[in-house]
Amino acid sequence: MVLRSDGMVLNTVIVTKFGLPVARTVVAFEKTGGAKGKVRSR
């Protein structure tokens, strides 16, 4: 996880099958002005 200076959190996941990478997923969490956060997947 990485916290950027603008307050966004980036989480990168590498999915493996039998020890070989098969997928890479990056999810960005961005807090809005309200109490709840907004989740955006790239």
Protein backbone atom coordinates (compact mmCIF):
# COMPACT_ATOMS: atom_id res chain seq x y z
CA MET A 1 0.00 0.00 0.00
CA VAL A 2 1.15 3.51 -0.79
CA LEU A 3 -0.24 6.73 0.67
CA ARG A 4 0.17 9.54 -1.84
CA SER A 5 0.52 13.20 -0.91
CA ASP A 6 -3.05 13.94 -2.10
CA GLY A 7 -4.45 11.42 0.42
CA MET A 8 -5.12 8.62 -2.08
CA VAL A 9 -4.14 5.08 -1.07
CA LEU A 10 -2.88 2.72 -3.80
CA ASN A 11 -2.91 -1.04 -3.27
CA THR A 12 -1.25 -3.35 -5.81
CA VAL A 13 -1.90 -7.10 -5.85
CA ILE A 14 -0.18 -9.71 -8.02
CA VAL A 15 -2.18 -12.95 -8.39
CA THR A 16 -0.16 -16.11 -8.94
CA LYS A 17 -1.07 -19.62 -10.06
CA PHE A 18 1.43 -22.41 -9.43
CA GLY A 19 4.01 -19.75 -8.60
CA LEU A 20 3.59 -17.86 -11.89
CA PRO A 21 2.07 -14.37 -12.05
CA VAL A 22 -1.25 -14.40 -13.93
CA ALA A 23 -2.83 -11.04 -13.04
CA ARG A 24 -1.97 -7.64 -11.57
CA THR A 25 -4.63 -5.49 -9.94
CA VAL A 26 -4.28 -1.88 -8.77
CA VAL A 27 -6.98 -0.43 -6.51
CA ALA A 28 -7.07 3.26 -5.54
CA PHE A 29 -8.94 4.44 -2.45
CA GLU A 30 -9.84 8.11 -2.47
CA LYS A 31 -11.48 9.81 0.50
CA THR A 32 -14.24 12.24 -0.42
CA GLY A 33 -15.47 15.16 1.69
CA GLY A 34 -18.05 13.05 3.56
CA ALA A 35 -17.59 10.38 6.19
CA LYS A 36 -17.59 7.55 3.66
CA GLY A 37 -14.71 6.89 1.25
CA LYS A 38 -14.98 6.29 -2.47
CA VAL A 39 -13.43 3.19 -4.00
CA ARG A 40 -12.18 3.33 -7.57
CA SER A 41 -10.64 0.34 -9.36
CA ARG A 42 -8.28 0.78 -12.30
